Amino acid sequence: MAKKKYGWNGWKMPILHPNDPEFCEIGCPICVSARKGNKVAKFVQKIEMAITFGGCWWGRARKRKYGVNPDQPVPSKNTPGSAS
């Protein structure tokens, strides 16, 4: 499957598609920066998660699809202990 493209390197959010978990994974400027270790983005994301009880629309869609919170990386399929 081809990687989705979002306008302005992710800054143009898909407002009309709140159930798009890939936006949180590859396009969201807050979530992607927080997962990469940016301290300011982590702070903003913690506030967002506390206020909304789980993150933005796309972060909650990501949790439904991948089973991890927006502040955590998606586990790879090659992790030890996973069934292949």
PDB file of N, CA and C in Angstrom:
ATOM      1  N   MET A   1       0.845  -1.174   0.000  1.00  0.00           N
ATOM      2  CA  MET A   1       0.000   0.000   0.000  1.00  0.00           C
ATOM      3  C   MET A   1       0.892   1.239   0.000  1.00  0.00           C
ATOM      4  N   ALA A   2       0.535   2.196  -0.813  1.00  0.00           N
ATOM      5  CA  ALA A   2       1.324   3.427  -0.922  1.00  0.00           C
ATOM      6  C   ALA A   2       1.131   4.291   0.315  1.00  0.00           C
ATOM      7  N   LYS A   3       2.203   4.985   0.675  1.00  0.00           N
ATOM      8  CA  LYS A   3       2.152   5.881   1.819  1.00  0.00           C
ATOM      9  C   LYS A   3       1.261   7.070   1.499  1.00  0.00           C
ATOM     10  N   LYS A   4       0.368   7.425   2.411  1.00  0.00           N
ATOM     11  CA  LYS A   4      -0.524   8.555   2.190  1.00  0.00           C
ATOM     12  C   LYS A   4       0.256   9.854   2.238  1.00  0.00           C
ATOM     13  N   LYS A   5      -0.222  10.836   1.495  1.00  0.00           N
ATOM     14  CA  LYS A   5       0.415  12.147   1.492  1.00  0.00           C
ATOM     15  C   LYS A   5      -0.567  13.160   2.056  1.00  0.00           C
ATOM     16  N   TYR A   6      -0.062  14.016   2.912  1.00  0.00           N
ATOM     17  CA  TYR A   6      -0.856  15.071   3.511  1.00  0.00           C
ATOM     18  C   TYR A   6      -0.222  16.400   3.155  1.00  0.00           C
ATOM     19  N   GLY A   7      -1.047  17.413   2.965  1.00  0.00           N
ATOM     20  CA  GLY A   7      -0.550  18.727   2.568  1.00  0.00           C
ATOM     21  C   GLY A   7       0.354  19.363   3.603  1.00  0.00           C
ATOM     22  N   TRP A   8       1.305  20.114   3.126  1.00  0.00           N
ATOM     23  CA  TRP A   8       2.222  20.896   3.955  1.00  0.00           C
ATOM     24  C   TRP A   8       2.965  20.039   4.971  1.00  0.00           C
ATOM     25  N   ASN A   9       3.419  18.868   4.589  1.00  0.00           N
ATOM     26  CA  ASN A   9       4.139  17.936   5.472  1.00  0.00           C
ATOM     27  C   ASN A   9       3.355  17.586   6.727  1.00  0.00           C
ATOM     28  N   GLY A  10       2.065  17.449   6.602  1.00  0.00           N
ATOM     29  CA  GLY A  10       1.237  17.050   7.736  1.00  0.00           C
ATOM     30  C   GLY A  10       0.572  18.184   8.461  1.00  0.00           C
ATOM     31  N   TRP A  11       0.938  19.422   8.163  1.00  0.00           N
ATOM     32  CA  TRP A  11       0.330  20.541   8.858  1.00  0.00           C
ATOM     33  C   TRP A  11      -1.101  20.786   8.380  1.00  0.00           C
ATOM     34  N   LYS A  12      -1.444  20.322   7.207  1.00  0.00           N
ATOM     35  CA  LYS A  12      -2.818  20.428   6.716  1.00  0.00           C
ATOM     36  C   LYS A  12      -3.538  19.147   7.141  1.00  0.00           C
ATOM     37  N   MET A  13      -4.277  19.239   8.222  1.00  0.00           N
ATOM     38  CA  MET A  13      -4.899  18.070   8.829  1.00  0.00           C
ATOM     39  C   MET A  13      -6.155  17.640   8.078  1.00  0.00           C
ATOM     40  N   PRO A  14      -6.408  16.327   8.002  1.00  0.00           N
ATOM     41  CA  PRO A  14      -7.623  15.843   7.347  1.00  0.00           C
ATOM     42  C   PRO A  14      -8.830  15.976   8.282  1.00  0.00           C
ATOM     43  N   ILE A  15      -9.322  17.203   8.443  1.00  0.00           N
ATOM     44  CA  ILE A  15     -10.415  17.491   9.381  1.00  0.00           C
ATOM     45  C   ILE A  15     -11.669  16.675   9.065  1.00  0.00           C
ATOM     46  N   LEU A  16     -11.939  16.454   7.794  1.00  0.00           N
ATOM     47  CA  LEU A  16     -13.150  15.726   7.415  1.00  0.00           C
ATOM     48  C   LEU A  16     -12.999  14.217   7.542  1.00  0.00           C
ATOM     49  N   HIS A  17     -11.821  13.744   7.928  1.00  0.00           N
ATOM     50  CA  HIS A  17     -11.577  12.308   8.103  1.00  0.00           C
ATOM     51  C   HIS A  17     -10.982  12.048   9.491  1.00  0.00           C
ATOM     52  N   PRO A  18     -11.808  12.134  10.546  1.00  0.00           N
ATOM     53  CA  PRO A  18     -11.266  11.976  11.907  1.00  0.00           C
ATOM     54  C   PRO A  18     -10.884  10.544  12.261  1.00  0.00           C
ATOM     55  N   ASN A  19     -11.231   9.580  11.433  1.00  0.00           N
ATOM     56  CA  ASN A  19     -10.897   8.186  11.725  1.00  0.00           C
ATOM     57  C   ASN A  19      -9.736   7.699  10.875  1.00  0.00           C
ATOM     58  N   ASP A  20      -8.753   8.551  10.654  1.00  0.00           N
ATOM     59  CA  ASP A  20      -7.597   8.224   9.830  1.00  0.00           C
ATOM     60  C   ASP A  20      -6.377   8.017  10.726  1.00  0.00           C
ATOM     61  N   PRO A  21      -6.109   6.775  11.163  1.00  0.00           N
ATOM     62  CA  PRO A  21      -4.995   6.548  12.088  1.00  0.00           C
ATOM     63  C   PRO A  21      -3.630   6.805  11.463  1.00  0.00           C
ATOM     64  N   GLU A  22      -3.533   6.732  10.146  1.00  0.00           N
ATOM     65  CA  GLU A  22      -2.251   6.965   9.503  1.00  0.00           C
ATOM     66  C   GLU A  22      -1.819   8.421   9.636  1.00  0.00           C
ATOM     67  N   PHE A  23      -2.768   9.351   9.763  1.00  0.00           N
ATOM     68  CA  PHE A  23      -2.371  10.743   9.945  1.00  0.00           C
ATOM     69  C   PHE A  23      -1.606  10.905  11.254  1.00  0.00           C
ATOM     70  N   CYS A  24      -2.078  10.280  12.318  1.00  0.00           N
ATOM     71  CA  CYS A  24      -1.364  10.350  13.605  1.00  0.00           C
ATOM     72  C   CYS A  24      -0.006   9.675  13.477  1.00  0.00           C
ATOM     73  N   GLU A  25       0.055   8.615  12.722  1.00  0.00           N
ATOM     74  CA  GLU A  25       1.289   7.839  12.598  1.00  0.00           C
ATOM     75  C   GLU A  25       2.360   8.557  11.781  1.00  0.00           C
ATOM     76  N   ILE A  26       1.976   9.217  10.675  1.00  0.00           N
ATOM     77  CA  ILE A  26       3.000   9.769   9.784  1.00  0.00           C
ATOM     78  C   ILE A  26       2.878  11.261   9.532  1.00  0.00           C
ATOM     79  N   GLY A  27       1.740  11.894   9.883  1.00  0.00           N
ATOM     80  CA  GLY A  27       1.563  13.271   9.489  1.00  0.00           C
ATOM     81  C   GLY A  27       1.356  14.280  10.596  1.00  0.00           C
ATOM     82  N   CYS A  28       0.882  13.874  11.742  1.00  0.00           N
ATOM     83  CA  CYS A  28       0.549  14.814  12.812  1.00  0.00           C
ATOM     84  C   CYS A  28       1.816  15.475  13.361  1.00  0.00           C
ATOM     85  N   PRO A  29       1.903  16.796  13.291  1.00  0.00           N
ATOM     86  CA  PRO A  29       3.134  17.454  13.741  1.00  0.00           C
ATOM     87  C   PRO A  29       3.407  17.298  15.235  1.00  0.00           C
ATOM     88  N   ILE A  30       2.373  17.196  16.054  1.00  0.00           N
ATOM     89  CA  ILE A  30       2.572  17.030  17.502  1.00  0.00           C
ATOM     90  C   ILE A  30       2.959  15.592  17.828  1.00  0.00           C
ATOM     91  N   CYS A  31       2.171  14.641  17.367  1.00  0.00           N
ATOM     92  CA  CYS A  31       2.413  13.238  17.728  1.00  0.00           C
ATOM     93  C   CYS A  31       3.731  12.708  17.173  1.00  0.00           C
ATOM     94  N   VAL A  32       4.012  12.996  15.916  1.00  0.00           N
ATOM     95  CA  VAL A  32       5.248  12.506  15.309  1.00  0.00           C
ATOM     96  C   VAL A  32       6.456  13.111  16.021  1.00  0.00           C
ATOM     97  N   SER A  33       6.410  14.404  16.295  1.00  0.00           N
ATOM     98  CA  SER A  33       7.525  15.053  17.000  1.00  0.00           C
ATOM     99  C   SER A  33       7.689  14.514  18.408  1.00  0.00           C
ATOM    100  N   ALA A  34       6.572  14.263  19.105  1.00  0.00           N
ATOM    101  CA  ALA A  34       6.645  13.727  20.464  1.00  0.00           C
ATOM    102  C   ALA A  34       7.245  12.328  20.479  1.00  0.00           C
ATOM    103  N   ARG A  35       6.859  11.500  19.520  1.00  0.00           N
ATOM    104  CA  ARG A  35       7.428  10.153  19.461  1.00  0.00           C
ATOM    105  C   ARG A  35       8.909  10.180  19.112  1.00  0.00           C
ATOM    106  N   LYS A  36       9.363  11.218  18.410  1.00  0.00           N
ATOM    107  CA  LYS A  36      10.787  11.348  18.081  1.00  0.00           C
ATOM    108  C   LYS A  36      11.592  11.918  19.236  1.00  0.00           C
ATOM    109  N   GLY A  37      10.919  12.424  20.298  1.00  0.00           N
ATOM    110  CA  GLY A  37      11.627  12.883  21.480  1.00  0.00           C
ATOM    111  C   GLY A  37      11.620  14.383  21.717  1.00  0.00           C
ATOM    112  N   ASN A  38      10.904  15.153  20.935  1.00  0.00           N
ATOM    113  CA  ASN A  38      10.838  16.600  21.124  1.00  0.00           C
ATOM    114  C   ASN A  38      10.129  16.903  22.443  1.00  0.00           C
ATOM    115  N   LYS A  39      10.804  17.591  23.362  1.00  0.00           N
ATOM    116  CA  LYS A  39      10.269  17.829  24.707  1.00  0.00           C
ATOM    117  C   LYS A  39       9.040  18.730  24.693  1.00  0.00           C
ATOM    118  N   VAL A  40       9.026  19.746  23.845  1.00  0.00           N
ATOM    119  CA  VAL A  40       7.868  20.649  23.766  1.00  0.00           C
ATOM    120  C   VAL A  40       6.657  19.889  23.235  1.00  0.00           C
ATOM    121  N   ALA A  41       6.858  19.084  22.199  1.00  0.00           N
ATOM    122  CA  ALA A  41       5.759  18.296  21.634  1.00  0.00           C
ATOM    123  C   ALA A  41       5.245  17.274  22.648  1.00  0.00           C
ATOM    124  N   LYS A  42       6.144  16.663  23.425  1.00  0.00           N
ATOM    125  CA  LYS A  42       5.714  15.719  24.462  1.00  0.00           C
ATOM    126  C   LYS A  42       4.843  16.421  25.501  1.00  0.00           C
ATOM    127  N   PHE A  43       5.239  17.636  25.890  1.00  0.00           N
ATOM    128  CA  PHE A  43       4.471  18.403  26.867  1.00  0.00           C
ATOM    129  C   PHE A  43       3.070  18.725  26.326  1.00  0.00           C
ATOM    130  N   VAL A  44       3.011  19.203  25.088  1.00  0.00           N
ATOM    131  CA  VAL A  44       1.719  19.531  24.474  1.00  0.00           C
ATOM    132  C   VAL A  44       0.862  18.276  24.338  1.00  0.00           C
ATOM    133  N   GLN A  45       1.479  17.166  23.962  1.00  0.00           N
ATOM    134  CA  GLN A  45       0.733  15.919  23.801  1.00  0.00           C
ATOM    135  C   GLN A  45       0.187  15.418  25.139  1.00  0.00           C
ATOM    136  N   LYS A  46       0.962  15.550  26.221  1.00  0.00           N
ATOM    137  CA  LYS A  46       0.468  15.130  27.540  1.00  0.00           C
ATOM    138  C   LYS A  46      -0.735  15.957  27.965  1.00  0.00           C
ATOM    139  N   ILE A  47      -0.676  17.249  27.698  1.00  0.00           N
ATOM    140  CA  ILE A  47      -1.828  18.111  28.017  1.00  0.00           C
ATOM    141  C   ILE A  47      -3.034  17.693  27.185  1.00  0.00           C
ATOM    142  N   GLU A  48      -2.822  17.477  25.903  1.00  0.00           N
ATOM    143  CA  GLU A  48      -3.905  17.062  25.007  1.00  0.00           C
ATOM    144  C   GLU A  48      -4.527  15.740  25.463  1.00  0.00           C
ATOM    145  N   MET A  49      -3.693  14.781  25.851  1.00  0.00           N
ATOM    146  CA  MET A  49      -4.203  13.483  26.279  1.00  0.00           C
ATOM    147  C   MET A  49      -4.953  13.579  27.596  1.00  0.00           C
ATOM    148  N   ALA A  50      -4.526  14.471  28.480  1.00  0.00           N
ATOM    149  CA  ALA A  50      -5.216  14.643  29.759  1.00  0.00           C
ATOM    150  C   ALA A  50      -6.582  15.303  29.564  1.00  0.00           C
ATOM    151  N   ILE A  51      -6.639  16.269  28.665  1.00  0.00           N
ATOM    152  CA  ILE A  51      -7.894  16.994  28.444  1.00  0.00           C
ATOM    153  C   ILE A  51      -8.914  16.143  27.700  1.00  0.00           C
ATOM    154  N   THR A  52      -8.459  15.406  26.688  1.00  0.00           N
ATOM    155  CA  THR A  52      -9.398  14.658  25.837  1.00  0.00           C
ATOM    156  C   THR A  52      -9.515  13.186  26.198  1.00  0.00           C
ATOM    157  N   PHE A  53      -8.805  12.739  27.224  1.00  0.00           N
ATOM    158  CA  PHE A  53      -8.837  11.342  27.666  1.00  0.00           C
ATOM    159  C   PHE A  53      -8.411  10.384  26.563  1.00  0.00           C
ATOM    160  N   GLY A  54      -7.302  10.676  25.902  1.00  0.00           N
ATOM    161  CA  GLY A  54      -6.773   9.737  24.918  1.00  0.00           C
ATOM    162  C   GLY A  54      -6.204  10.364  23.675  1.00  0.00           C
ATOM    163  N   GLY A  55      -6.166  11.657  23.592  1.00  0.00           N
ATOM    164  CA  GLY A  55      -5.575  12.302  22.427  1.00  0.00           C
ATOM    165  C   GLY A  55      -6.615  12.810  21.448  1.00  0.00           C
ATOM    166  N   CYS A  56      -6.128  13.277  20.331  1.00  0.00           N
ATOM    167  CA  CYS A  56      -7.004  13.839  19.303  1.00  0.00           C
ATOM    168  C   CYS A  56      -7.758  12.718  18.587  1.00  0.00           C
ATOM    169  N   TRP A  57      -8.582  13.107  17.612  1.00  0.00           N
ATOM    170  CA  TRP A  57      -9.362  12.119  16.855  1.00  0.00           C
ATOM    171  C   TRP A  57      -8.471  11.073  16.236  1.00  0.00           C
ATOM    172  N   TRP A  58      -7.385  11.547  15.613  1.00  0.00           N
ATOM    173  CA  TRP A  58      -6.507  10.635  14.894  1.00  0.00           C
ATOM    174  C   TRP A  58      -5.721   9.757  15.860  1.00  0.00           C
ATOM    175  N   GLY A  59      -5.401  10.277  17.028  1.00  0.00           N
ATOM    176  CA  GLY A  59      -4.713   9.478  18.042  1.00  0.00           C
ATOM    177  C   GLY A  59      -5.609   8.374  18.586  1.00  0.00           C
ATOM    178  N   ARG A  60      -6.874   8.683  18.771  1.00  0.00           N
ATOM    179  CA  ARG A  60      -7.816   7.643  19.223  1.00  0.00           C
ATOM    180  C   ARG A  60      -8.050   6.602  18.128  1.00  0.00           C
ATOM    181  N   ALA A  61      -8.095   7.031  16.868  1.00  0.00           N
ATOM    182  CA  ALA A  61      -8.226   6.082  15.751  1.00  0.00           C
ATOM    183  C   ALA A  61      -6.987   5.188  15.673  1.00  0.00           C
ATOM    184  N   ARG A  62      -5.833   5.763  15.948  1.00  0.00           N
ATOM    185  CA  ARG A  62      -4.577   4.997  15.963  1.00  0.00           C
ATOM    186  C   ARG A  62      -4.600   3.954  17.072  1.00  0.00           C
ATOM    187  N   LYS A  63      -5.143   4.326  18.229  1.00  0.00           N
ATOM    188  CA  LYS A  63      -5.240   3.368  19.333  1.00  0.00           C
ATOM    189  C   LYS A  63      -6.171   2.206  18.961  1.00  0.00           C
ATOM    190  N   ARG A  64      -7.281   2.532  18.290  1.00  0.00           N
ATOM    191  CA  ARG A  64      -8.198   1.464  17.862  1.00  0.00           C
ATOM    192  C   ARG A  64      -7.541   0.530  16.846  1.00  0.00           C
ATOM    193  N   LYS A  65      -6.762   1.081  15.910  1.00  0.00           N
ATOM    194  CA  LYS A  65      -6.168   0.255  14.858  1.00  0.00           C
ATOM    195  C   LYS A  65      -4.925  -0.497  15.334  1.00  0.00           C
ATOM    196  N   TYR A  66      -3.999   0.201  15.993  1.00  0.00           N
ATOM    197  CA  TYR A  66      -2.713  -0.395  16.357  1.00  0.00           C
ATOM    198  C   TYR A  66      -2.640  -0.848  17.814  1.00  0.00           C
ATOM    199  N   GLY A  67      -3.550  -0.376  18.662  1.00  0.00           N
ATOM    200  CA  GLY A  67      -3.567  -0.792  20.055  1.00  0.00           C
ATOM    201  C   GLY A  67      -2.574  -0.085  20.956  1.00  0.00           C
ATOM    202  N   VAL A  68      -2.032   1.047  20.522  1.00  0.00           N
ATOM    203  CA  VAL A  68      -1.090   1.810  21.343  1.00  0.00           C
ATOM    204  C   VAL A  68      -1.527   3.268  21.400  1.00  0.00           C
ATOM    205  N   ASN A  69      -1.183   3.929  22.489  1.00  0.00           N
ATOM    206  CA  ASN A  69      -1.501   5.353  22.638  1.00  0.00           C
ATOM    207  C   ASN A  69      -0.713   6.184  21.639  1.00  0.00           C
ATOM    208  N   PRO A  70      -1.164   7.419  21.377  1.00  0.00           N
ATOM    209  CA  PRO A  70      -0.457   8.272  20.429  1.00  0.00           C
ATOM    210  C   PRO A  70       0.982   8.600  20.829  1.00  0.00           C
ATOM    211  N   ASP A  71       1.307   8.479  22.102  1.00  0.00           N
ATOM    212  CA  ASP A  71       2.662   8.801  22.537  1.00  0.00           C
ATOM    213  C   ASP A  71       3.608   7.604  22.495  1.00  0.00           C
ATOM    214  N   GLN A  72       3.128   6.460  22.062  1.00  0.00           N
ATOM    215  CA  GLN A  72       3.945   5.252  22.009  1.00  0.00           C
ATOM    216  C   GLN A  72       4.166   4.821  20.565  1.00  0.00           C
ATOM    217  N   PRO A  73       5.336   4.265  20.256  1.00  0.00           N
ATOM    218  CA  PRO A  73       5.558   3.773  18.892  1.00  0.00           C
ATOM    219  C   PRO A  73       4.770   2.495  18.633  1.00  0.00           C
ATOM    220  N   VAL A  74       4.428   2.279  17.392  1.00  0.00           N
ATOM    221  CA  VAL A  74       3.738   1.045  17.010  1.00  0.00           C
ATOM    222  C   VAL A  74       4.737  -0.093  17.077  1.00  0.00           C
ATOM    223  N   PRO A  75       4.383  -1.191  17.747  1.00  0.00           N
ATOM    224  CA  PRO A  75       5.333  -2.308  17.813  1.00  0.00           C
ATOM    225  C   PRO A  75       5.534  -2.906  16.426  1.00  0.00           C
ATOM    226  N   SER A  76       6.781  -3.203  16.093  1.00  0.00           N
ATOM    227  CA  SER A  76       7.063  -3.782  14.787  1.00  0.00           C
ATOM    228  C   SER A  76       6.663  -5.246  14.783  1.00  0.00           C
ATOM    229  N   LYS A  77       6.489  -5.772  13.591  1.00  0.00           N
ATOM    230  CA  LYS A  77       6.088  -7.176  13.455  1.00  0.00           C
ATOM    231  C   LYS A  77       7.234  -8.115  13.764  1.00  0.00           C
ATOM    232  N   ASN A  78       8.451  -7.602  13.836  1.00  0.00           N
ATOM    233  CA  ASN A  78       9.627  -8.434  14.082  1.00  0.00           C
ATOM    234  C   ASN A  78      10.083  -8.439  15.531  1.00  0.00           C
ATOM    235  N   THR A  79       9.206  -8.033  16.452  1.00  0.00           N
ATOM    236  CA  THR A  79       9.602  -8.022  17.852  1.00  0.00           C
ATOM    237  C   THR A  79       9.682  -9.445  18.389  1.00  0.00           C
ATOM    238  N   PRO A  80      10.616  -9.712  19.305  1.00  0.00           N
ATOM    239  CA  PRO A  80      10.718 -11.049  19.875  1.00  0.00           C
ATOM    240  C   PRO A  80       9.461 -11.409  20.655  1.00  0.00           C
ATOM    241  N   GLY A  81       9.040 -12.642  20.515  1.00  0.00           N
ATOM    242  CA  GLY A  81       7.866 -13.110  21.231  1.00  0.00           C
ATOM    243  C   GLY A  81       6.581 -12.975  20.445  1.00  0.00           C
ATOM    244  N   SER A  82       6.630 -12.334  19.281  1.00  0.00           N
ATOM    245  CA  SER A  82       5.424 -12.214  18.470  1.00  0.00           C
ATOM    246  C   SER A  82       5.322 -13.419  17.552  1.00  0.00           C
ATOM    247  N   ALA A  83       4.106 -13.843  17.329  1.00  0.00           N
ATOM    248  CA  ALA A  83       3.877 -15.000  16.451  1.00  0.00           C
ATOM    249  C   ALA A  83       4.058 -14.569  15.009  1.00  0.00           C
ATOM    250  N   SER A  84       4.789 -15.339  14.241  1.00  0.00           N
ATOM    251  CA  SER A  84       5.031 -14.993  12.833  1.00  0.00           C
ATOM    252  C   SER A  84       4.158 -15.814  11.940  1.00  0.00           C
TER     253      SER A  84
END
